[in-house]
Amino acid sequence: MPGWIAAAEAKGFDIAARVIDRLHLALRCRTCGHVFACRISVLTSTQPICHACLEARRAETAIRAALVYLGRDPQSTAYGFYRARCGHVLRRQYEIIIRMAEGRSGLRCETCFAAREAAMAARRGWTRIGPDPEGNPNYHLYRHACGTERRLARANLSWGQVDCPGCGQSWSARESRIYLLDLRHDGRHFLKLGYSAHPTKRHRHQLGLPRGAAVRVLRELVMPTGAAACAAETRLHRDLCRAFPHAVVPQAEFADMLNVTREIYRPRLRTEIEARLDALAAQIKAAPSGNAAVSEEGGATRSAAESAPVSVARIAVALASDAPSGT
């Protein structure tokens, strides 16, 4: 049809033949001479793509990004395969390669990165096992010389700010506690959620509370390591702030009462906090006794050397009464 011929010429193609069925044409690219099948509706309504030209452009872009283009990924139209200078084959989005060619992005070979990670871990006494089982790209799974496995943040490992929960001696490896405090002073009533190896020492000597403040420890949850307590407490605060923003007390309301800047909640949130602590306690109690892995995000399990079952009495110490105690 004359309209097809005019559309093809306007878009940089010539019609070579009718192919396949009544709905398809064979188009010849005027740039490279490549012939390919195209639906008539595509020719008349949009711009056909010459894949030979497209692949040539991708190869040229890869050269400018210091890569060798190997071809398309058959599983995704947005990805291709490339060979880096190190010799390893990488799968990358075409858009990323364009950014690299323009100097707006860099490149990291996963294989070389894993080798550097393994060497760095070995210098600290750890063996890199693989990626984080919880899918956090900032963490990896490592095994210590004593056999204990733990998720570690790469940044912490690079600085040596890690300790083994099985054989370590620092605060991060020793037993700790997540605590919930009931604080009352001068007509104000707040809840404080935190972690410490010594919750009583924490509220008596470290929070800066006034002498007349009434403090009760509503809950203590024993955690196998300080690292596990820190990670679990961080997750609790994050989830509570997201789910109950109106129950978070602004610092201006307690600045003259406490020397902390956050992690203070309204009393109405106690039931929710205790429910989350119950779930965390159940997770710790149900953990396999021989598992040495420490979950940095939501709890922890003990190594084989310290895997005695945690009793319910030890996991939680709760006070039934809500009346002020004055202690």
Protein backbone atom coordinates (compact mmCIF):
# COMPACT_ATOMS: atom_id res chain seq x y z
CA MET A 1 0.00 0.00 0.00
CA PRO A 2 1.31 3.50 -0.80
CA GLY A 3 0.86 4.56 2.82
CA TRP A 4 3.15 1.78 4.01
CA ILE A 5 5.86 2.77 1.53
CA ALA A 6 5.67 6.43 2.58
CA ALA A 7 5.79 5.53 6.29
CA ALA A 8 8.81 3.28 5.80
CA GLU A 9 10.71 5.93 3.84
CA ALA A 10 9.92 8.62 6.40
CA LYS A 11 11.29 6.42 9.17
CA GLY A 12 14.50 5.34 7.48
CA PHE A 13 13.50 2.01 5.95
CA ASP A 14 12.57 0.39 2.63
CA ILE A 15 9.98 -2.34 2.26
CA ALA A 16 11.72 -5.47 1.00
CA ALA A 17 8.80 -7.92 0.89
CA ARG A 18 5.61 -9.22 2.46
CA VAL A 19 6.54 -11.92 5.00
CA ILE A 20 5.04 -14.38 7.49
CA ASP A 21 1.40 -13.35 6.98
CA ARG A 22 -0.75 -10.44 5.88
CA LEU A 23 0.19 -8.46 9.00
CA HIS A 24 3.98 -8.37 8.51
CA LEU A 25 6.50 -6.67 6.24
CA ALA A 26 10.24 -7.13 5.77
CA LEU A 27 11.99 -3.79 6.30
CA ARG A 28 15.51 -2.96 5.13
CA CYS A 29 17.39 -0.42 7.27
CA ARG A 30 18.84 2.38 5.17
CA THR A 31 21.64 2.85 7.72
CA CYS A 32 23.09 -0.66 7.95
CA GLY A 33 21.17 -2.69 5.35
CA HIS A 34 19.83 -5.15 7.93
CA VAL A 35 16.49 -6.75 6.97
CA PHE A 36 14.00 -7.68 9.68
CA ALA A 37 10.31 -8.51 10.06
CA CYS A 38 7.98 -5.81 11.36
CA ARG A 39 4.26 -5.68 11.97
CA ILE A 40 2.43 -3.23 9.71
CA SER A 41 0.75 -1.63 12.73
CA VAL A 42 4.17 -0.91 14.26
CA LEU A 43 5.39 0.70 11.04
CA THR A 44 2.34 2.93 10.69
CA SER A 45 1.87 3.94 14.33
CA THR A 46 5.39 4.16 15.82
CA GLN A 47 9.11 4.07 15.02
CA PRO A 48 10.41 0.58 14.17
CA ILE A 49 13.72 -0.37 15.74
CA CYS A 50 16.56 -1.85 13.73
CA HIS A 51 18.12 -4.23 16.23
CA ALA A 52 21.36 -4.43 14.23
CA CYS A 53 21.82 -0.67 14.66
CA LEU A 54 20.74 -0.92 18.29
CA GLU A 55 23.31 -3.62 19.02
CA ALA A 56 26.00 -1.59 17.24
CA ARG A 57 25.20 1.43 19.42
CA ARG A 58 25.34 -0.72 22.54
CA ALA A 59 28.74 -2.09 21.53
CA GLU A 60 30.04 1.45 20.88
CA THR A 61 28.70 2.65 24.25
CA ALA A 62 30.40 -0.30 25.96
CA ILE A 63 33.75 0.66 24.40
CA ARG A 64 33.40 4.20 25.77
CA ALA A 65 32.67 2.64 29.19
CA ALA A 66 35.84 0.47 28.91
CA LEU A 67 33.81 -2.73 28.48
CA VAL A 68 33.23 -5.32 25.78
CA TYR A 69 29.61 -5.89 24.83
CA LEU A 70 28.78 -9.62 24.60
CA GLY A 71 25.07 -9.49 23.76
CA ARG A 72 21.58 -9.17 25.11
CA ASP A 73 20.23 -10.97 28.15
CA PRO A 74 17.51 -13.31 26.82
CA GLN A 75 15.70 -13.06 30.16
CA SER A 76 15.32 -9.26 30.19
CA THR A 77 15.18 -6.59 27.50
CA ALA A 78 16.76 -4.05 29.86
CA TYR A 79 19.97 -6.02 30.52
CA GLY A 80 23.02 -7.07 28.55
CA PHE A 81 26.23 -8.99 29.19
CA TYR A 82 29.63 -7.30 29.24
CA ARG A 83 33.24 -8.29 29.83
CA ALA A 84 35.13 -6.02 32.21
CA ARG A 85 38.84 -5.26 32.19
CA CYS A 86 39.37 -7.85 34.90
CA GLY A 87 38.06 -10.51 32.49
CA HIS A 88 34.84 -11.29 34.36
CA VAL A 89 31.44 -11.25 32.67
CA LEU A 90 28.94 -8.79 34.14
CA ARG A 91 25.19 -8.42 33.71
CA ARG A 92 24.17 -4.78 33.67
CA GLN A 93 21.30 -2.55 32.62
CA TYR A 94 21.90 -0.67 29.39
CA GLU A 95 21.09 2.58 31.16
CA ILE A 96 23.90 1.97 33.65
CA ILE A 97 26.39 1.47 30.80
CA ILE A 98 25.27 4.74 29.24
CA ARG A 99 25.92 6.50 32.54
CA MET A 100 29.33 4.91 32.77
CA ALA A 101 30.18 6.02 29.23
CA GLU A 102 29.20 9.57 30.19
CA GLY A 103 31.26 9.45 33.37
CA ARG A 104 28.22 9.64 35.66
CA SER A 105 28.58 6.19 37.20
CA GLY A 106 31.24 3.68 38.09
CA LEU A 107 31.55 -0.10 37.90
CA ARG A 108 32.09 -2.79 40.50
CA CYS A 109 32.79 -6.37 39.49
CA GLU A 110 30.95 -8.68 41.89
CA THR A 111 33.61 -11.41 41.60
CA CYS A 112 36.50 -9.07 42.31
CA PHE A 113 34.53 -7.41 45.10
CA ALA A 114 33.87 -10.77 46.76
CA ALA A 115 37.58 -11.59 46.55
CA ARG A 116 38.50 -8.29 48.21
CA GLU A 117 35.85 -8.90 50.88
CA ALA A 118 37.23 -12.38 51.55
CA ALA A 119 40.79 -11.06 51.88
CA MET A 120 39.67 -8.28 54.23
CA ALA A 121 37.72 -10.77 56.35
CA ALA A 122 40.69 -13.13 56.54
CA ARG A 123 42.84 -10.34 57.96
CA ARG A 124 40.28 -9.98 60.77
CA GLY A 125 40.03 -13.71 61.46
CA TRP A 126 36.78 -14.29 59.53
CA THR A 127 35.87 -16.31 56.45
CA ARG A 128 33.34 -14.85 54.04
CA ILE A 129 30.63 -17.46 53.42
CA GLY A 130 28.35 -15.57 51.06
CA PRO A 131 25.71 -12.86 50.74
CA ASP A 132 23.44 -11.83 53.57
CA PRO A 133 20.71 -14.47 54.05
CA GLU A 134 18.28 -11.64 54.86
CA GLY A 135 19.03 -9.84 51.61
CA ASN A 136 20.63 -6.68 53.03
CA PRO A 137 23.32 -5.60 50.52
CA ASN A 138 25.33 -3.88 53.27
CA TYR A 139 25.79 -7.16 55.16
CA HIS A 140 27.47 -10.48 54.40
CA LEU A 141 27.61 -13.80 56.21
CA TYR A 142 30.94 -14.72 57.81
CA ARG A 143 32.38 -17.57 59.87
CA HIS A 144 34.88 -16.88 62.65
CA ALA A 145 37.93 -19.01 63.34
CA CYS A 146 36.08 -20.61 66.27
CA GLY A 147 33.26 -21.74 63.96
CA THR A 148 30.69 -19.10 64.93
CA GLU A 149 28.72 -17.65 62.02
CA ARG A 150 27.49 -14.08 62.02
CA ARG A 151 26.08 -11.43 59.72
CA LEU A 152 28.49 -8.49 59.60
CA ALA A 153 28.28 -5.05 58.06
CA ARG A 154 31.12 -4.55 55.61
CA ALA A 155 31.83 -1.08 56.99
CA ASN A 156 32.25 -2.45 60.52
CA LEU A 157 34.45 -5.30 59.30
CA SER A 158 36.70 -2.94 57.35
CA TRP A 159 37.38 -0.94 60.52
CA GLY A 160 37.65 -4.02 62.74
CA GLN A 161 34.64 -2.95 64.79
CA VAL A 162 33.31 -6.50 65.17
CA ASP A 163 33.60 -9.22 67.76
CA CYS A 164 32.76 -12.90 67.73
CA PRO A 165 29.65 -13.80 69.78
CA GLY A 166 31.18 -17.22 70.45
CA CYS A 167 34.63 -16.33 71.75
CA GLY A 168 34.76 -12.52 71.90
CA GLN A 169 35.11 -10.43 75.04
CA SER A 170 33.82 -6.96 74.09
CA TRP A 171 30.36 -5.56 74.86
CA SER A 172 29.09 -6.66 71.46
CA ALA A 173 29.85 -10.31 72.27
CA ARG A 174 28.64 -10.35 75.89
CA GLU A 175 25.09 -10.88 77.05
CA SER A 176 22.88 -7.79 77.05
CA ARG A 177 19.25 -6.80 77.67
CA ILE A 178 16.50 -4.85 75.97
CA TYR A 179 14.59 -2.95 78.63
CA LEU A 180 11.33 -1.00 78.90
CA LEU A 181 11.17 1.70 81.58
CA ASP A 182 8.19 3.53 83.05
CA LEU A 183 9.26 7.11 83.82
CA ARG A 184 7.21 9.63 85.83
CA HIS A 185 8.18 13.08 87.00
CA ASP A 186 6.43 16.37 87.62
CA GLY A 187 3.12 15.20 86.16
CA ARG A 188 4.72 13.70 83.06
CA HIS A 189 4.56 10.01 82.15
CA PHE A 190 6.78 8.42 79.47
CA LEU A 191 8.11 5.04 78.35
CA LYS A 192 11.78 4.49 77.53
CA LEU A 193 12.82 1.57 75.33
CA GLY A 194 16.53 0.78 75.07
CA TYR A 195 19.25 -1.80 75.55
CA SER A 196 22.04 -2.17 78.11
CA ALA A 197 24.05 -4.85 79.82
CA HIS A 198 22.90 -3.29 83.12
CA PRO A 199 19.46 -1.65 82.78
CA THR A 200 19.35 -0.61 86.45
CA LYS A 201 22.70 1.14 86.18
CA ARG A 202 21.49 2.70 82.97
CA HIS A 203 18.48 4.43 84.52
CA ARG A 204 20.12 5.24 87.86
CA HIS A 205 23.38 6.73 86.66
CA GLN A 206 23.29 7.38 82.91
CA LEU A 207 19.94 8.86 81.87
CA GLY A 208 20.29 12.03 83.93
CA LEU A 209 16.90 11.66 85.60
CA PRO A 210 15.93 14.12 88.37
CA ARG A 211 16.13 12.88 91.95
CA GLY A 212 12.36 12.85 92.36
CA ALA A 213 11.66 10.83 89.22
CA ALA A 214 9.79 7.55 89.68
CA VAL A 215 11.28 4.72 87.61
CA ARG A 216 10.06 1.17 87.14
CA VAL A 217 11.58 -1.53 84.96
CA LEU A 218 8.55 -2.91 83.18
CA ARG A 219 10.42 -5.42 81.09
CA GLU A 220 13.86 -6.94 80.56
CA LEU A 221 14.54 -9.21 77.60
CA VAL A 222 17.83 -11.11 77.75
CA MET A 223 19.76 -11.04 74.47
CA PRO A 224 22.72 -13.36 73.83
CA THR A 225 25.04 -10.56 72.66
CA GLY A 226 25.27 -6.80 72.73
CA ALA A 227 25.36 -6.75 68.92
CA ALA A 228 22.08 -8.68 68.75
CA ALA A 229 20.51 -6.38 71.36
CA CYS A 230 21.61 -3.27 69.48
CA ALA A 231 20.28 -4.55 66.15
CA ALA A 232 16.96 -5.75 67.58
CA GLU A 233 16.42 -2.51 69.51
CA THR A 234 17.19 -0.45 66.40
CA ARG A 235 14.62 -2.39 64.43
CA LEU A 236 12.02 -2.00 67.19
CA HIS A 237 12.47 1.77 67.24
CA ARG A 238 12.32 2.01 63.46
CA ASP A 239 9.12 -0.02 63.23
CA LEU A 240 7.44 1.78 66.13
CA CYS A 241 8.25 5.22 64.73
CA ARG A 242 6.86 4.25 61.36
CA ALA A 243 3.70 2.60 62.67
CA PHE A 244 2.92 4.98 65.57
CA PRO A 245 4.44 8.39 64.84
CA HIS A 246 1.95 10.16 67.12
CA ALA A 247 3.12 8.05 70.09
CA VAL A 248 6.71 9.28 69.74
CA VAL A 249 7.40 12.03 72.30
CA PRO A 250 9.16 15.15 70.92
CA GLN A 251 12.45 15.92 72.61
CA ALA A 252 11.18 19.32 73.80
CA GLU A 253 8.82 17.55 76.23
CA PHE A 254 11.55 15.61 78.06
CA ALA A 255 14.73 17.61 77.39
CA ASP A 256 14.91 18.81 81.02
CA MET A 257 14.20 15.32 82.35
CA LEU A 258 16.44 13.01 80.29
CA ASN A 259 19.81 13.38 78.59
CA VAL A 260 18.70 11.37 75.54
CA THR A 261 17.27 12.82 72.34
CA ARG A 262 14.86 10.10 71.19
CA GLU A 263 13.39 6.64 71.91
CA ILE A 264 10.76 8.03 74.30
CA TYR A 265 7.11 7.01 73.82
CA ARG A 266 3.62 7.73 75.16
CA PRO A 267 2.33 5.31 77.84
CA ARG A 268 -0.51 4.17 75.56
CA LEU A 269 2.06 2.35 73.41
CA ARG A 270 3.03 -0.06 76.20
CA THR A 271 0.78 -2.90 75.01
CA GLU A 272 2.22 -2.71 71.49
CA ILE A 273 5.82 -2.59 72.72
CA GLU A 274 5.31 -5.54 75.03
CA ALA A 275 3.70 -7.54 72.23
CA ARG A 276 6.74 -6.95 70.05
CA LEU A 277 9.05 -7.92 72.89
CA ASP A 278 6.99 -11.11 73.37
CA ALA A 279 7.49 -11.95 69.69
CA LEU A 280 11.23 -11.33 69.98
CA ALA A 281 11.44 -13.49 73.11
CA ALA A 282 9.66 -16.32 71.29
CA GLN A 283 12.08 -16.00 68.40
CA ILE A 284 15.07 -16.31 70.72
CA LYS A 285 13.56 -19.25 72.59
CA ALA A 286 12.74 -21.11 69.38
CA ALA A 287 16.20 -20.66 67.85
CA PRO A 288 18.16 -23.91 67.30
CA SER A 289 20.52 -24.49 70.21
CA GLY A 290 23.45 -25.30 67.98
CA ASN A 291 23.06 -22.42 65.58
CA ALA A 292 25.89 -19.92 65.85
CA ALA A 293 24.38 -17.27 63.60
CA VAL A 294 23.55 -13.86 65.00
CA SER A 295 20.72 -11.94 63.36
CA GLU A 296 21.65 -8.26 63.23
CA GLU A 297 18.11 -7.25 62.29
CA GLY A 298 15.66 -9.03 64.48
CA GLY A 299 17.20 -11.11 67.24
CA ALA A 300 19.95 -13.61 67.84
CA THR A 301 20.80 -17.23 68.46
CA ARG A 302 23.55 -18.51 70.67
CA SER A 303 26.68 -20.29 69.56
CA ALA A 304 27.21 -23.93 70.48
CA ALA A 305 29.37 -22.86 73.41
CA GLU A 306 26.59 -20.84 75.00
CA SER A 307 23.48 -22.57 73.71
CA ALA A 308 21.73 -23.47 76.94
CA PRO A 309 17.96 -22.93 76.61
CA VAL A 310 16.73 -19.53 77.78
CA SER A 311 14.03 -19.89 80.42
CA VAL A 312 10.83 -17.86 80.29
CA ALA A 313 11.65 -16.29 83.66
CA ARG A 314 15.00 -15.17 82.34
CA ILE A 315 13.63 -13.87 79.06
CA ALA A 316 11.08 -11.52 80.55
CA VAL A 317 10.69 -9.83 83.91
CA ALA A 318 7.36 -7.97 83.93
CA LEU A 319 5.60 -6.06 86.64
CA ALA A 320 1.86 -6.65 86.69
CA SER A 321 0.78 -3.44 88.43
CA ASP A 322 0.56 -0.07 86.65
CA ALA A 323 0.48 1.95 89.91
CA PRO A 324 3.36 4.38 90.55
CA SER A 325 6.06 2.80 92.69
CA GLY A 326 8.31 5.77 93.52
CA THR A 327 11.41 3.52 93.29
